[in-house]
Amino acid sequence: MGESFLTQIQGCVFRVPEETLGDEDVALEQASFIIECLSLYRLLMLRNEDKIGVQEAQHREDTYKEWLLPLRSAVETWIAGNEDDAVSI
């Protein structure tokens, strides 16, 4: 059951569609969902037992490439575009 659970949720939870990342306004509408997904991922990574495989090297690498890196790049782009508005993190 563990791997099938991860397989079922990772495509929906641990991915952000390109159209969302490409549009700051759409991403802001989805911000609470993105934050909740990041919180869930952090919780799963901090667990002592990894019964669903989220801590496996291949899953971590895939998640970084397909979710965390694009999300980070989009946020950096938004910040760079809003430098005139004195936005900082």
N, C-alpha and C. Protein backbone atom coordinates (compact mmCIF):
# COMPACT_ATOMS: atom_id res chain seq x y z
N MET A 1 0.81 -1.20 0.00
CA MET A 1 0.00 0.00 0.00
C MET A 1 0.86 1.26 0.00
N GLY A 2 2.00 1.25 0.68
CA GLY A 2 2.83 2.43 0.81
C GLY A 2 3.24 3.05 -0.50
N GLU A 3 3.83 2.28 -1.37
CA GLU A 3 4.28 2.84 -2.64
C GLU A 3 3.12 3.29 -3.49
N SER A 4 2.01 2.57 -3.48
CA SER A 4 0.88 2.98 -4.29
C SER A 4 0.29 4.29 -3.78
N PHE A 5 0.31 4.50 -2.46
CA PHE A 5 -0.17 5.77 -1.90
C PHE A 5 0.69 6.92 -2.40
N LEU A 6 2.02 6.77 -2.32
CA LEU A 6 2.92 7.81 -2.78
C LEU A 6 2.75 8.04 -4.27
N THR A 7 2.64 6.97 -5.03
CA THR A 7 2.46 7.08 -6.47
C THR A 7 1.17 7.83 -6.79
N GLN A 8 0.13 7.58 -6.02
CA GLN A 8 -1.15 8.23 -6.27
C GLN A 8 -1.12 9.72 -5.94
N ILE A 9 -0.45 10.11 -4.88
CA ILE A 9 -0.51 11.53 -4.47
C ILE A 9 0.58 12.39 -5.10
N GLN A 10 1.72 11.79 -5.47
CA GLN A 10 2.83 12.65 -5.89
C GLN A 10 2.53 13.45 -7.16
N GLY A 11 1.79 12.91 -8.09
CA GLY A 11 1.46 13.66 -9.30
C GLY A 11 0.54 14.84 -9.07
N CYS A 12 -0.25 14.76 -8.03
CA CYS A 12 -1.20 15.85 -7.72
C CYS A 12 -0.65 16.80 -6.67
N VAL A 13 0.04 16.26 -5.69
CA VAL A 13 0.45 17.06 -4.55
C VAL A 13 1.84 17.63 -4.71
N PHE A 14 2.77 16.84 -5.21
CA PHE A 14 4.16 17.27 -5.28
C PHE A 14 4.54 17.76 -6.67
N ARG A 15 3.63 18.43 -7.34
CA ARG A 15 3.88 19.06 -8.63
C ARG A 15 3.07 20.34 -8.70
N VAL A 16 3.60 21.34 -9.36
CA VAL A 16 2.86 22.57 -9.61
C VAL A 16 2.84 22.75 -11.12
N PRO A 17 1.66 22.85 -11.73
CA PRO A 17 1.58 22.99 -13.19
C PRO A 17 2.35 24.21 -13.68
N GLU A 18 2.95 24.09 -14.86
CA GLU A 18 3.72 25.19 -15.44
C GLU A 18 2.90 26.46 -15.59
N GLU A 19 1.63 26.31 -15.95
CA GLU A 19 0.80 27.51 -16.12
C GLU A 19 0.60 28.25 -14.80
N THR A 20 0.65 27.52 -13.70
CA THR A 20 0.56 28.17 -12.39
C THR A 20 1.84 28.92 -12.09
N LEU A 21 2.97 28.29 -12.33
CA LEU A 21 4.25 28.94 -12.05
C LEU A 21 4.54 30.07 -13.02
N GLY A 22 3.99 30.01 -14.20
CA GLY A 22 4.24 31.03 -15.20
C GLY A 22 3.45 32.30 -14.99
N ASP A 23 2.46 32.27 -14.10
CA ASP A 23 1.60 33.42 -13.87
C ASP A 23 1.53 33.70 -12.37
N GLU A 24 2.13 34.78 -11.96
CA GLU A 24 2.20 35.12 -10.54
C GLU A 24 0.82 35.24 -9.91
N ASP A 25 -0.14 35.80 -10.63
CA ASP A 25 -1.49 35.96 -10.08
C ASP A 25 -2.16 34.62 -9.84
N VAL A 26 -2.00 33.69 -10.79
CA VAL A 26 -2.56 32.35 -10.62
C VAL A 26 -1.89 31.65 -9.44
N ALA A 27 -0.59 31.79 -9.34
CA ALA A 27 0.15 31.17 -8.24
C ALA A 27 -0.31 31.72 -6.89
N LEU A 28 -0.57 33.03 -6.83
CA LEU A 28 -1.06 33.62 -5.59
C LEU A 28 -2.42 33.05 -5.20
N GLU A 29 -3.26 32.76 -6.21
CA GLU A 29 -4.55 32.13 -5.94
C GLU A 29 -4.36 30.72 -5.38
N GLN A 30 -3.30 30.05 -5.79
CA GLN A 30 -3.01 28.69 -5.36
C GLN A 30 -2.04 28.63 -4.18
N ALA A 31 -1.69 29.76 -3.62
CA ALA A 31 -0.66 29.83 -2.59
C ALA A 31 -0.94 28.93 -1.40
N SER A 32 -2.16 28.91 -0.92
CA SER A 32 -2.45 28.08 0.26
C SER A 32 -2.26 26.60 -0.05
N PHE A 33 -2.64 26.17 -1.26
CA PHE A 33 -2.43 24.78 -1.65
C PHE A 33 -0.93 24.46 -1.72
N ILE A 34 -0.16 25.36 -2.32
CA ILE A 34 1.28 25.14 -2.44
C ILE A 34 1.92 25.07 -1.06
N ILE A 35 1.51 25.95 -0.16
CA ILE A 35 2.06 25.95 1.20
C ILE A 35 1.71 24.65 1.92
N GLU A 36 0.48 24.19 1.79
CA GLU A 36 0.07 22.93 2.42
C GLU A 36 0.86 21.76 1.86
N CYS A 37 1.12 21.75 0.56
CA CYS A 37 1.92 20.67 -0.06
C CYS A 37 3.35 20.69 0.47
N LEU A 38 3.93 21.88 0.59
CA LEU A 38 5.27 21.99 1.15
C LEU A 38 5.30 21.51 2.60
N SER A 39 4.28 21.83 3.35
CA SER A 39 4.20 21.40 4.75
C SER A 39 4.08 19.88 4.84
N LEU A 40 3.26 19.29 3.99
CA LEU A 40 3.13 17.82 3.97
C LEU A 40 4.46 17.17 3.60
N TYR A 41 5.13 17.70 2.59
CA TYR A 41 6.41 17.14 2.17
C TYR A 41 7.43 17.22 3.31
N ARG A 42 7.48 18.35 3.99
CA ARG A 42 8.40 18.51 5.12
C ARG A 42 8.08 17.50 6.22
N LEU A 43 6.81 17.36 6.53
CA LEU A 43 6.40 16.40 7.55
C LEU A 43 6.83 14.98 7.18
N LEU A 44 6.61 14.60 5.94
CA LEU A 44 7.00 13.26 5.50
C LEU A 44 8.51 13.06 5.53
N MET A 45 9.26 14.12 5.21
CA MET A 45 10.72 14.01 5.23
C MET A 45 11.28 13.93 6.65
N LEU A 46 10.58 14.48 7.62
CA LEU A 46 11.05 14.50 9.00
C LEU A 46 10.70 13.23 9.78
N ARG A 47 9.85 12.40 9.22
CA ARG A 47 9.44 11.18 9.92
C ARG A 47 10.64 10.26 10.12
N ASN A 48 10.64 9.57 11.25
CA ASN A 48 11.70 8.59 11.52
C ASN A 48 11.55 7.35 10.65
N GLU A 49 10.32 6.95 10.39
CA GLU A 49 10.06 5.80 9.53
C GLU A 49 9.56 6.29 8.19
N ASP A 50 10.03 5.66 7.13
CA ASP A 50 9.61 6.03 5.78
C ASP A 50 8.89 4.85 5.16
N LYS A 51 7.64 4.68 5.52
CA LYS A 51 6.87 3.54 5.03
C LYS A 51 6.33 3.75 3.63
N ILE A 52 6.32 4.98 3.13
CA ILE A 52 5.76 5.22 1.80
C ILE A 52 6.82 5.57 0.76
N GLY A 53 8.07 5.62 1.14
CA GLY A 53 9.15 5.81 0.17
C GLY A 53 9.49 7.23 -0.18
N VAL A 54 8.97 8.21 0.54
CA VAL A 54 9.23 9.61 0.21
C VAL A 54 10.69 10.00 0.45
N GLN A 55 11.38 9.29 1.33
CA GLN A 55 12.77 9.62 1.63
C GLN A 55 13.77 8.89 0.75
N GLU A 56 13.29 8.04 -0.15
CA GLU A 56 14.20 7.32 -1.05
C GLU A 56 14.90 8.31 -1.97
N ALA A 57 16.16 8.02 -2.27
CA ALA A 57 16.98 8.94 -3.06
C ALA A 57 16.33 9.31 -4.40
N GLN A 58 15.79 8.34 -5.10
CA GLN A 58 15.18 8.61 -6.41
C GLN A 58 13.97 9.52 -6.28
N HIS A 59 13.16 9.29 -5.26
CA HIS A 59 11.99 10.15 -5.07
C HIS A 59 12.41 11.56 -4.70
N ARG A 60 13.41 11.70 -3.83
CA ARG A 60 13.89 13.04 -3.46
C ARG A 60 14.42 13.78 -4.68
N GLU A 61 15.17 13.08 -5.52
CA GLU A 61 15.73 13.70 -6.72
C GLU A 61 14.62 14.13 -7.69
N ASP A 62 13.65 13.25 -7.90
CA ASP A 62 12.54 13.57 -8.79
C ASP A 62 11.74 14.76 -8.26
N THR A 63 11.48 14.75 -6.96
CA THR A 63 10.71 15.83 -6.35
C THR A 63 11.45 17.15 -6.47
N TYR A 64 12.76 17.12 -6.27
CA TYR A 64 13.55 18.35 -6.40
C TYR A 64 13.48 18.88 -7.83
N LYS A 65 13.70 18.02 -8.80
CA LYS A 65 13.73 18.45 -10.20
C LYS A 65 12.37 18.89 -10.71
N GLU A 66 11.32 18.16 -10.34
CA GLU A 66 10.02 18.39 -10.93
C GLU A 66 9.12 19.32 -10.11
N TRP A 67 9.50 19.62 -8.87
CA TRP A 67 8.61 20.43 -8.02
C TRP A 67 9.35 21.56 -7.33
N LEU A 68 10.36 21.24 -6.55
CA LEU A 68 11.01 22.26 -5.74
C LEU A 68 11.83 23.23 -6.58
N LEU A 69 12.61 22.74 -7.52
CA LEU A 69 13.42 23.63 -8.36
C LEU A 69 12.57 24.56 -9.21
N PRO A 70 11.53 24.06 -9.92
CA PRO A 70 10.67 24.99 -10.67
C PRO A 70 9.97 26.01 -9.77
N LEU A 71 9.55 25.58 -8.59
CA LEU A 71 8.90 26.50 -7.66
C LEU A 71 9.88 27.59 -7.21
N ARG A 72 11.09 27.19 -6.89
CA ARG A 72 12.10 28.16 -6.47
C ARG A 72 12.41 29.15 -7.60
N SER A 73 12.56 28.63 -8.81
CA SER A 73 12.86 29.50 -9.96
C SER A 73 11.74 30.50 -10.19
N ALA A 74 10.49 30.05 -10.07
CA ALA A 74 9.35 30.95 -10.27
C ALA A 74 9.34 32.05 -9.20
N VAL A 75 9.57 31.68 -7.96
CA VAL A 75 9.57 32.67 -6.87
C VAL A 75 10.70 33.69 -7.10
N GLU A 76 11.87 33.23 -7.50
CA GLU A 76 12.97 34.15 -7.78
C GLU A 76 12.61 35.11 -8.91
N THR A 77 11.94 34.60 -9.93
CA THR A 77 11.51 35.45 -11.06
C THR A 77 10.51 36.49 -10.60
N TRP A 78 9.55 36.07 -9.77
CA TRP A 78 8.54 37.01 -9.27
C TRP A 78 9.19 38.10 -8.42
N ILE A 79 10.14 37.71 -7.59
CA ILE A 79 10.81 38.69 -6.74
C ILE A 79 11.60 39.67 -7.59
N ALA A 80 12.31 39.16 -8.59
CA ALA A 80 13.08 40.02 -9.48
C ALA A 80 12.18 41.00 -10.22
N GLY A 81 10.99 40.53 -10.60
CA GLY A 81 10.05 41.39 -11.31
C GLY A 81 9.39 42.42 -10.42
N ASN A 82 9.44 42.20 -9.12
CA ASN A 82 8.79 43.11 -8.17
C ASN A 82 9.79 43.91 -7.35
N GLU A 83 11.03 43.98 -7.78
CA GLU A 83 12.05 44.71 -7.01
C GLU A 83 11.67 46.17 -6.83
N ASP A 84 10.96 46.71 -7.79
CA ASP A 84 10.53 48.11 -7.68
C ASP A 84 9.52 48.30 -6.54
N ASP A 85 8.83 47.22 -6.19
CA ASP A 85 7.82 47.29 -5.13
C ASP A 85 8.41 46.98 -3.75
N ALA A 86 9.72 46.86 -3.66
CA ALA A 86 10.42 46.58 -2.41
C ALA A 86 9.96 45.27 -1.76
N VAL A 87 9.82 44.24 -2.57
CA VAL A 87 9.44 42.91 -2.07
C VAL A 87 10.70 42.21 -1.61
N SER A 88 10.64 41.61 -0.44
CA SER A 88 11.79 40.85 0.04
C SER A 88 11.32 39.64 0.81
N ILE A 89 12.18 38.66 0.86
CA ILE A 89 11.87 37.44 1.61
C ILE A 89 12.90 37.30 2.71
